[in-house]
Amino acid sequence: ALKHGILRERQAEFVTDALRAALLEWAGYD
């Protein structure tokens, strides 16, 4: 699925923001 450029781009957006949210949770934020 991620061989398609647009899907890979959107997956990168998802992973980036999901990691940011998870790191904020780890840092003590809801």
PDB file of all heavy atoms in Angstrom:
ATOM      1  N   ALA A   1       0.827  -1.214   0.000  1.00  0.00           N
ATOM      2  CA  ALA A   1       0.000   0.000   0.000  1.00  0.00           C
ATOM      3  C   ALA A   1       0.858   1.258   0.000  1.00  0.00           C
ATOM      4  O   ALA A   1       0.545   2.235  -0.689  1.00  0.00           O
ATOM      5  CB  ALA A   1      -0.930  -0.002   1.210  1.00  0.00           C
ATOM      6  N   LEU A   2       1.973   1.230   0.727  1.00  0.00           N
ATOM      7  CA  LEU A   2       2.779   2.440   0.893  1.00  0.00           C
ATOM      8  C   LEU A   2       3.804   2.633  -0.219  1.00  0.00           C
ATOM      9  O   LEU A   2       4.643   3.530  -0.139  1.00  0.00           O
ATOM     10  CB  LEU A   2       3.474   2.426   2.263  1.00  0.00           C
ATOM     11  CG  LEU A   2       2.520   2.452   3.466  1.00  0.00           C
ATOM     12  CD1 LEU A   2       3.304   2.599   4.760  1.00  0.00           C
ATOM     13  CD2 LEU A   2       1.504   3.583   3.339  1.00  0.00           C
ATOM     14  N   LYS A   3       3.715   1.802  -1.274  1.00  0.00           N
ATOM     15  CA  LYS A   3       4.556   2.084  -2.435  1.00  0.00           C
ATOM     16  C   LYS A   3       4.017   3.272  -3.217  1.00  0.00           C
ATOM     17  O   LYS A   3       4.722   3.881  -4.019  1.00  0.00           O
ATOM     18  CB  LYS A   3       4.635   0.850  -3.329  1.00  0.00           C
ATOM     19  CG  LYS A   3       3.341   0.523  -4.064  1.00  0.00           C
ATOM     20  CD  LYS A   3       3.489  -0.705  -4.940  1.00  0.00           C
ATOM     21  CE  LYS A   3       2.183  -1.007  -5.686  1.00  0.00           C
ATOM     22  NZ  LYS A   3       2.310  -2.218  -6.540  1.00  0.00           N
ATOM     23  N   HIS A   4       2.748   3.627  -2.969  1.00  0.00           N
ATOM     24  CA  HIS A   4       2.142   4.795  -3.612  1.00  0.00           C
ATOM     25  C   HIS A   4       2.570   6.061  -2.863  1.00  0.00           C
ATOM     26  O   HIS A   4       2.418   6.151  -1.632  1.00  0.00           O
ATOM     27  CB  HIS A   4       0.624   4.675  -3.606  1.00  0.00           C
ATOM     28  CG  HIS A   4       0.128   3.422  -4.272  1.00  0.00           C
ATOM     29  ND1 HIS A   4       0.194   3.222  -5.627  1.00  0.00           N
ATOM     30  CD2 HIS A   4      -0.426   2.293  -3.746  1.00  0.00           C
ATOM     31  CE1 HIS A   4      -0.299   2.034  -5.932  1.00  0.00           C
ATOM     32  NE2 HIS A   4      -0.695   1.444  -4.803  1.00  0.00           N
ATOM     33  N   GLY A   5       3.087   7.016  -3.596  1.00  0.00           N
ATOM     34  CA  GLY A   5       3.651   8.212  -2.966  1.00  0.00           C
ATOM     35  C   GLY A   5       2.700   8.949  -2.050  1.00  0.00           C
ATOM     36  O   GLY A   5       3.063   9.349  -0.939  1.00  0.00           O
ATOM     37  N   ILE A   6       1.450   9.153  -2.509  1.00  0.00           N
ATOM     38  CA  ILE A   6       0.509   9.935  -1.704  1.00  0.00           C
ATOM     39  C   ILE A   6       0.169   9.211  -0.408  1.00  0.00           C
ATOM     40  O   ILE A   6       0.030   9.834   0.646  1.00  0.00           O
ATOM     41  CB  ILE A   6      -0.775  10.247  -2.514  1.00  0.00           C
ATOM     42  CG1 ILE A   6      -1.719  11.136  -1.708  1.00  0.00           C
ATOM     43  CG2 ILE A   6      -1.482   8.967  -2.942  1.00  0.00           C
ATOM     44  CD1 ILE A   6      -1.164  12.483  -1.380  1.00  0.00           C
ATOM     45  N   LEU A   7       0.053   7.872  -0.462  1.00  0.00           N
ATOM     46  CA  LEU A   7      -0.254   7.120   0.753  1.00  0.00           C
ATOM     47  C   LEU A   7       0.943   7.111   1.709  1.00  0.00           C
ATOM     48  O   LEU A   7       0.765   7.189   2.926  1.00  0.00           O
ATOM     49  CB  LEU A   7      -0.659   5.693   0.395  1.00  0.00           C
ATOM     50  CG  LEU A   7      -1.956   5.553  -0.402  1.00  0.00           C
ATOM     51  CD1 LEU A   7      -2.269   4.087  -0.682  1.00  0.00           C
ATOM     52  CD2 LEU A   7      -3.129   6.205   0.341  1.00  0.00           C
ATOM     53  N   ARG A   8       2.133   7.060   1.137  1.00  0.00           N
ATOM     54  CA  ARG A   8       3.333   7.112   1.983  1.00  0.00           C
ATOM     55  C   ARG A   8       3.446   8.481   2.666  1.00  0.00           C
ATOM     56  O   ARG A   8       3.816   8.587   3.832  1.00  0.00           O
ATOM     57  CB  ARG A   8       4.576   6.826   1.138  1.00  0.00           C
ATOM     58  CG  ARG A   8       5.836   6.634   1.966  1.00  0.00           C
ATOM     59  CD  ARG A   8       7.010   6.229   1.074  1.00  0.00           C
ATOM     60  NE  ARG A   8       8.209   5.996   1.870  1.00  0.00           N
ATOM     61  CZ  ARG A   8       8.515   4.836   2.446  1.00  0.00           C
ATOM     62  NH1 ARG A   8       7.687   3.814   2.311  1.00  0.00           N
ATOM     63  NH2 ARG A   8       9.634   4.707   3.147  1.00  0.00           N
ATOM     64  N   GLU A   9       3.112   9.523   1.918  1.00  0.00           N
ATOM     65  CA  GLU A   9       3.150  10.875   2.485  1.00  0.00           C
ATOM     66  C   GLU A   9       2.165  11.008   3.641  1.00  0.00           C
ATOM     67  O   GLU A   9       2.496  11.540   4.704  1.00  0.00           O
ATOM     68  CB  GLU A   9       2.830  11.901   1.397  1.00  0.00           C
ATOM     69  CG  GLU A   9       2.824  13.339   1.881  1.00  0.00           C
ATOM     70  CD  GLU A   9       2.472  14.321   0.777  1.00  0.00           C
ATOM     71  OE1 GLU A   9       2.592  13.955  -0.408  1.00  0.00           O
ATOM     72  OE2 GLU A   9       2.059  15.445   1.113  1.00  0.00           O
ATOM     73  N   ARG A  10       0.953  10.505   3.427  1.00  0.00           N
ATOM     74  CA  ARG A  10      -0.055  10.607   4.493  1.00  0.00           C
ATOM     75  C   ARG A  10       0.294   9.718   5.675  1.00  0.00           C
ATOM     76  O   ARG A  10       0.001  10.059   6.826  1.00  0.00           O
ATOM     77  CB  ARG A  10      -1.432  10.262   3.930  1.00  0.00           C
ATOM     78  CG  ARG A  10      -1.932  11.326   2.957  1.00  0.00           C
ATOM     79  CD  ARG A  10      -3.313  11.027   2.419  1.00  0.00           C
ATOM     80  NE  ARG A  10      -3.741  12.077   1.505  1.00  0.00           N
ATOM     81  CZ  ARG A  10      -4.882  12.059   0.826  1.00  0.00           C
ATOM     82  NH1 ARG A  10      -5.718  11.034   0.969  1.00  0.00           N
ATOM     83  NH2 ARG A  10      -5.187  13.047   0.011  1.00  0.00           N
ATOM     84  N   GLN A  11       0.905   8.582   5.409  1.00  0.00           N
ATOM     85  CA  GLN A  11       1.333   7.724   6.500  1.00  0.00           C
ATOM     86  C   GLN A  11       2.420   8.405   7.319  1.00  0.00           C
ATOM     87  O   GLN A  11       2.441   8.302   8.544  1.00  0.00           O
ATOM     88  CB  GLN A  11       1.842   6.386   5.956  1.00  0.00           C
ATOM     89  CG  GLN A  11       2.058   5.312   7.010  1.00  0.00           C
ATOM     90  CD  GLN A  11       0.757   4.786   7.576  1.00  0.00           C
ATOM     91  OE1 GLN A  11      -0.314   5.057   7.058  1.00  0.00           O
ATOM     92  NE2 GLN A  11       0.839   4.034   8.658  1.00  0.00           N
ATOM     93  N   ALA A  12       3.316   9.123   6.646  1.00  0.00           N
ATOM     94  CA  ALA A  12       4.357   9.860   7.361  1.00  0.00           C
ATOM     95  C   ALA A  12       3.744  10.928   8.254  1.00  0.00           C
ATOM     96  O   ALA A  12       4.199  11.150   9.386  1.00  0.00           O
ATOM     97  CB  ALA A  12       5.333  10.488   6.363  1.00  0.00           C
ATOM     98  N   GLU A  13       2.710  11.608   7.760  1.00  0.00           N
ATOM     99  CA  GLU A  13       2.010  12.598   8.585  1.00  0.00           C
ATOM    100  C   GLU A  13       1.401  11.932   9.816  1.00  0.00           C
ATOM    101  O   GLU A  13       1.509  12.436  10.943  1.00  0.00           O
ATOM    102  CB  GLU A  13       0.920  13.282   7.761  1.00  0.00           C
ATOM    103  CG  GLU A  13       1.429  14.141   6.623  1.00  0.00           C
ATOM    104  CD  GLU A  13       0.307  14.733   5.802  1.00  0.00           C
ATOM    105  OE1 GLU A  13      -0.873  14.549   6.185  1.00  0.00           O
ATOM    106  OE2 GLU A  13       0.587  15.377   4.778  1.00  0.00           O
ATOM    107  N   PHE A  14       0.726  10.799   9.596  1.00  0.00           N
ATOM    108  CA  PHE A  14       0.092  10.081  10.701  1.00  0.00           C
ATOM    109  C   PHE A  14       1.115   9.663  11.749  1.00  0.00           C
ATOM    110  O   PHE A  14       0.936   9.883  12.948  1.00  0.00           O
ATOM    111  CB  PHE A  14      -0.647   8.850  10.159  1.00  0.00           C
ATOM    112  CG  PHE A  14      -0.991   7.845  11.221  1.00  0.00           C
ATOM    113  CD1 PHE A  14      -2.083   8.041  12.055  1.00  0.00           C
ATOM    114  CD2 PHE A  14      -0.210   6.704  11.396  1.00  0.00           C
ATOM    115  CE1 PHE A  14      -2.379   7.125  13.053  1.00  0.00           C
ATOM    116  CE2 PHE A  14      -0.511   5.788  12.390  1.00  0.00           C
ATOM    117  CZ  PHE A  14      -1.608   5.994  13.213  1.00  0.00           C
ATOM    118  N   VAL A  15       2.214   9.044  11.304  1.00  0.00           N
ATOM    119  CA  VAL A  15       3.219   8.538  12.240  1.00  0.00           C
ATOM    120  C   VAL A  15       3.857   9.694  13.018  1.00  0.00           C
ATOM    121  O   VAL A  15       4.054   9.613  14.229  1.00  0.00           O
ATOM    122  CB  VAL A  15       4.289   7.725  11.494  1.00  0.00           C
ATOM    123  CG1 VAL A  15       5.390   7.280  12.466  1.00  0.00           C
ATOM    124  CG2 VAL A  15       3.657   6.504  10.835  1.00  0.00           C
ATOM    125  N   THR A  16       4.176  10.776  12.306  1.00  0.00           N
ATOM    126  CA  THR A  16       4.808  11.927  12.960  1.00  0.00           C
ATOM    127  C   THR A  16       3.934  12.476  14.082  1.00  0.00           C
ATOM    128  O   THR A  16       4.393  12.671  15.225  1.00  0.00           O
ATOM    129  CB  THR A  16       5.090  13.043  11.940  1.00  0.00           C
ATOM    130  OG1 THR A  16       5.946  12.543  10.924  1.00  0.00           O
ATOM    131  CG2 THR A  16       5.750  14.239  12.610  1.00  0.00           C
ATOM    132  N   ASP A  17       2.662  12.719  13.781  1.00  0.00           N
ATOM    133  CA  ASP A  17       1.786  13.322  14.791  1.00  0.00           C
ATOM    134  C   ASP A  17       1.383  12.327  15.869  1.00  0.00           C
ATOM    135  O   ASP A  17       1.173  12.705  17.032  1.00  0.00           O
ATOM    136  CB  ASP A  17       0.567  13.933  14.110  1.00  0.00           C
ATOM    137  CG  ASP A  17       0.941  15.141  13.260  1.00  0.00           C
ATOM    138  OD1 ASP A  17       1.919  15.829  13.627  1.00  0.00           O
ATOM    139  OD2 ASP A  17       0.275  15.398  12.246  1.00  0.00           O
ATOM    140  N   ALA A  18       1.282  11.051  15.512  1.00  0.00           N
ATOM    141  CA  ALA A  18       1.008  10.042  16.525  1.00  0.00           C
ATOM    142  C   ALA A  18       2.169   9.941  17.518  1.00  0.00           C
ATOM    143  O   ALA A  18       1.958   9.808  18.735  1.00  0.00           O
ATOM    144  CB  ALA A  18       0.759   8.688  15.863  1.00  0.00           C
ATOM    145  N   LEU A  19       3.399  10.010  17.014  1.00  0.00           N
ATOM    146  CA  LEU A  19       4.561   9.995  17.900  1.00  0.00           C
ATOM    147  C   LEU A  19       4.594  11.236  18.791  1.00  0.00           C
ATOM    148  O   LEU A  19       4.914  11.154  19.983  1.00  0.00           O
ATOM    149  CB  LEU A  19       5.847   9.922  17.075  1.00  0.00           C
ATOM    150  CG  LEU A  19       6.438   8.531  16.839  1.00  0.00           C
ATOM    151  CD1 LEU A  19       7.667   8.623  15.930  1.00  0.00           C
ATOM    152  CD2 LEU A  19       6.807   7.862  18.157  1.00  0.00           C
ATOM    153  N   ARG A  20       4.276  12.399  18.216  1.00  0.00           N
ATOM    154  CA  ARG A  20       4.249  13.628  19.017  1.00  0.00           C
ATOM    155  C   ARG A  20       3.236  13.512  20.152  1.00  0.00           C
ATOM    156  O   ARG A  20       3.518  13.874  21.307  1.00  0.00           O
ATOM    157  CB  ARG A  20       3.904  14.829  18.128  1.00  0.00           C
ATOM    158  CG  ARG A  20       5.039  15.256  17.218  1.00  0.00           C
ATOM    159  CD  ARG A  20       4.563  16.198  16.120  1.00  0.00           C
ATOM    160  NE  ARG A  20       5.670  16.747  15.353  1.00  0.00           N
ATOM    161  CZ  ARG A  20       5.548  17.328  14.174  1.00  0.00           C
ATOM    162  NH1 ARG A  20       4.344  17.432  13.599  1.00  0.00           N
ATOM    163  NH2 ARG A  20       6.610  17.800  13.543  1.00  0.00           N
ATOM    164  N   ALA A  21       2.040  13.013  19.833  1.00  0.00           N
ATOM    165  CA  ALA A  21       1.010  12.860  20.855  1.00  0.00           C
ATOM    166  C   ALA A  21       1.459  11.871  21.928  1.00  0.00           C
ATOM    167  O   ALA A  21       1.268  12.101  23.130  1.00  0.00           O
ATOM    168  CB  ALA A  21      -0.303  12.400  20.211  1.00  0.00           C
ATOM    169  N   ALA A  22       2.080  10.746  21.501  1.00  0.00           N
ATOM    170  CA  ALA A  22       2.540   9.749  22.465  1.00  0.00           C
ATOM    171  C   ALA A  22       3.655  10.299  23.352  1.00  0.00           C
ATOM    172  O   ALA A  22       3.698  10.021  24.565  1.00  0.00           O
ATOM    173  CB  ALA A  22       3.022   8.506  21.712  1.00  0.00           C
ATOM    174  N   LEU A  23       4.570  11.073  22.778  1.00  0.00           N
ATOM    175  CA  LEU A  23       5.646  11.677  23.571  1.00  0.00           C
ATOM    176  C   LEU A  23       5.111  12.699  24.563  1.00  0.00           C
ATOM    177  O   LEU A  23       5.626  12.817  25.682  1.00  0.00           O
ATOM    178  CB  LEU A  23       6.676  12.313  22.636  1.00  0.00           C
ATOM    179  CG  LEU A  23       7.592  11.320  21.907  1.00  0.00           C
ATOM    180  CD1 LEU A  23       8.289  11.989  20.731  1.00  0.00           C
ATOM    181  CD2 LEU A  23       8.623  10.733  22.875  1.00  0.00           C
ATOM    182  N   LEU A  24       4.085  13.451  24.160  1.00  0.00           N
ATOM    183  CA  LEU A  24       3.456  14.388  25.087  1.00  0.00           C
ATOM    184  C   LEU A  24       2.807  13.641  26.249  1.00  0.00           C
ATOM    185  O   LEU A  24       2.891  14.073  27.410  1.00  0.00           O
ATOM    186  CB  LEU A  24       2.419  15.245  24.354  1.00  0.00           C
ATOM    187  CG  LEU A  24       2.976  16.457  23.599  1.00  0.00           C
ATOM    188  CD1 LEU A  24       1.982  16.950  22.555  1.00  0.00           C
ATOM    189  CD2 LEU A  24       3.307  17.586  24.583  1.00  0.00           C
ATOM    190  N   GLU A  25       2.172  12.512  25.968  1.00  0.00           N
ATOM    191  CA  GLU A  25       1.594  11.695  27.039  1.00  0.00           C
ATOM    192  C   GLU A  25       2.697  11.231  27.991  1.00  0.00           C
ATOM    193  O   GLU A  25       2.534  11.264  29.218  1.00  0.00           O
ATOM    194  CB  GLU A  25       0.864  10.487  26.437  1.00  0.00           C
ATOM    195  CG  GLU A  25      -0.354  10.832  25.596  1.00  0.00           C
ATOM    196  CD  GLU A  25      -1.597  11.066  26.426  1.00  0.00           C
ATOM    197  OE1 GLU A  25      -1.576  10.768  27.636  1.00  0.00           O
ATOM    198  OE2 GLU A  25      -2.601  11.551  25.868  1.00  0.00           O
ATOM    199  N   TRP A  26       3.817  10.780  27.425  1.00  0.00           N
ATOM    200  CA  TRP A  26       4.945  10.335  28.245  1.00  0.00           C
ATOM    201  C   TRP A  26       5.507  11.484  29.097  1.00  0.00           C
ATOM    202  O   TRP A  26       5.943  11.272  30.237  1.00  0.00           O
ATOM    203  CB  TRP A  26       6.047   9.784  27.321  1.00  0.00           C
ATOM    204  CG  TRP A  26       7.323   9.459  28.021  1.00  0.00           C
ATOM    205  CD1 TRP A  26       7.593   8.365  28.802  1.00  0.00           C
ATOM    206  CD2 TRP A  26       8.519  10.243  27.996  1.00  0.00           C
ATOM    207  NE1 TRP A  26       8.888   8.417  29.281  1.00  0.00           N
ATOM    208  CE2 TRP A  26       9.479   9.565  28.796  1.00  0.00           C
ATOM    209  CE3 TRP A  26       8.883  11.435  27.383  1.00  0.00           C
ATOM    210  CZ2 TRP A  26      10.768  10.057  28.979  1.00  0.00           C
ATOM    211  CZ3 TRP A  26      10.162  11.928  27.570  1.00  0.00           C
ATOM    212  CH2 TRP A  26      11.094  11.236  28.369  1.00  0.00           C
ATOM    213  N   ALA A  27       5.446  12.708  28.543  1.00  0.00           N
ATOM    214  CA  ALA A  27       5.979  13.877  29.248  1.00  0.00           C
ATOM    215  C   ALA A  27       5.026  14.434  30.300  1.00  0.00           C
ATOM    216  O   ALA A  27       5.359  15.410  30.978  1.00  0.00           O
ATOM    217  CB  ALA A  27       6.331  14.970  28.243  1.00  0.00           C
ATOM    218  N   GLY A  28       3.815  13.836  30.440  1.00  0.00           N
ATOM    219  CA  GLY A  28       2.914  14.256  31.510  1.00  0.00           C
ATOM    220  C   GLY A  28       1.724  15.076  31.071  1.00  0.00           C
ATOM    221  O   GLY A  28       1.167  15.829  31.876  1.00  0.00           O
ATOM    222  N   TYR A  29       1.292  14.924  29.823  1.00  0.00           N
ATOM    223  CA  TYR A  29       0.159  15.685  29.294  1.00  0.00           C
ATOM    224  C   TYR A  29      -0.948  14.738  28.825  1.00  0.00           C
ATOM    225  O   TYR A  29      -0.676  13.667  28.271  1.00  0.00           O
ATOM    226  CB  TYR A  29       0.587  16.562  28.120  1.00  0.00           C
ATOM    227  CG  TYR A  29       1.420  17.761  28.512  1.00  0.00           C
ATOM    228  CD1 TYR A  29       2.778  17.623  28.800  1.00  0.00           C
ATOM    229  CD2 TYR A  29       0.861  19.030  28.613  1.00  0.00           C
ATOM    230  CE1 TYR A  29       3.552  18.711  29.174  1.00  0.00           C
ATOM    231  CE2 TYR A  29       1.621  20.128  28.980  1.00  0.00           C
ATOM    232  CZ  TYR A  29       2.972  19.962  29.258  1.00  0.00           C
ATOM    233  OH  TYR A  29       3.728  21.051  29.632  1.00  0.00           O
ATOM    234  N   ASP A  30      -2.194  15.144  29.060  1.00  0.00           N
ATOM    235  CA  ASP A  30      -3.335  14.492  28.425  1.00  0.00           C
ATOM    236  C   ASP A  30      -3.491  15.124  27.055  1.00  0.00           C
ATOM    237  O   ASP A  30      -3.619  16.349  26.928  1.00  0.00           O
ATOM    238  CB  ASP A  30      -4.611  14.697  29.249  1.00  0.00           C
ATOM    239  CG  ASP A  30      -4.589  13.905  30.551  1.00  0.00           C
ATOM    240  OD1 ASP A  30      -4.120  12.756  30.528  1.00  0.00           O
ATOM    241  OD2 ASP A  30      -5.042  14.436  31.591  1.00  0.00           O
TER     242      ASP A  30
END
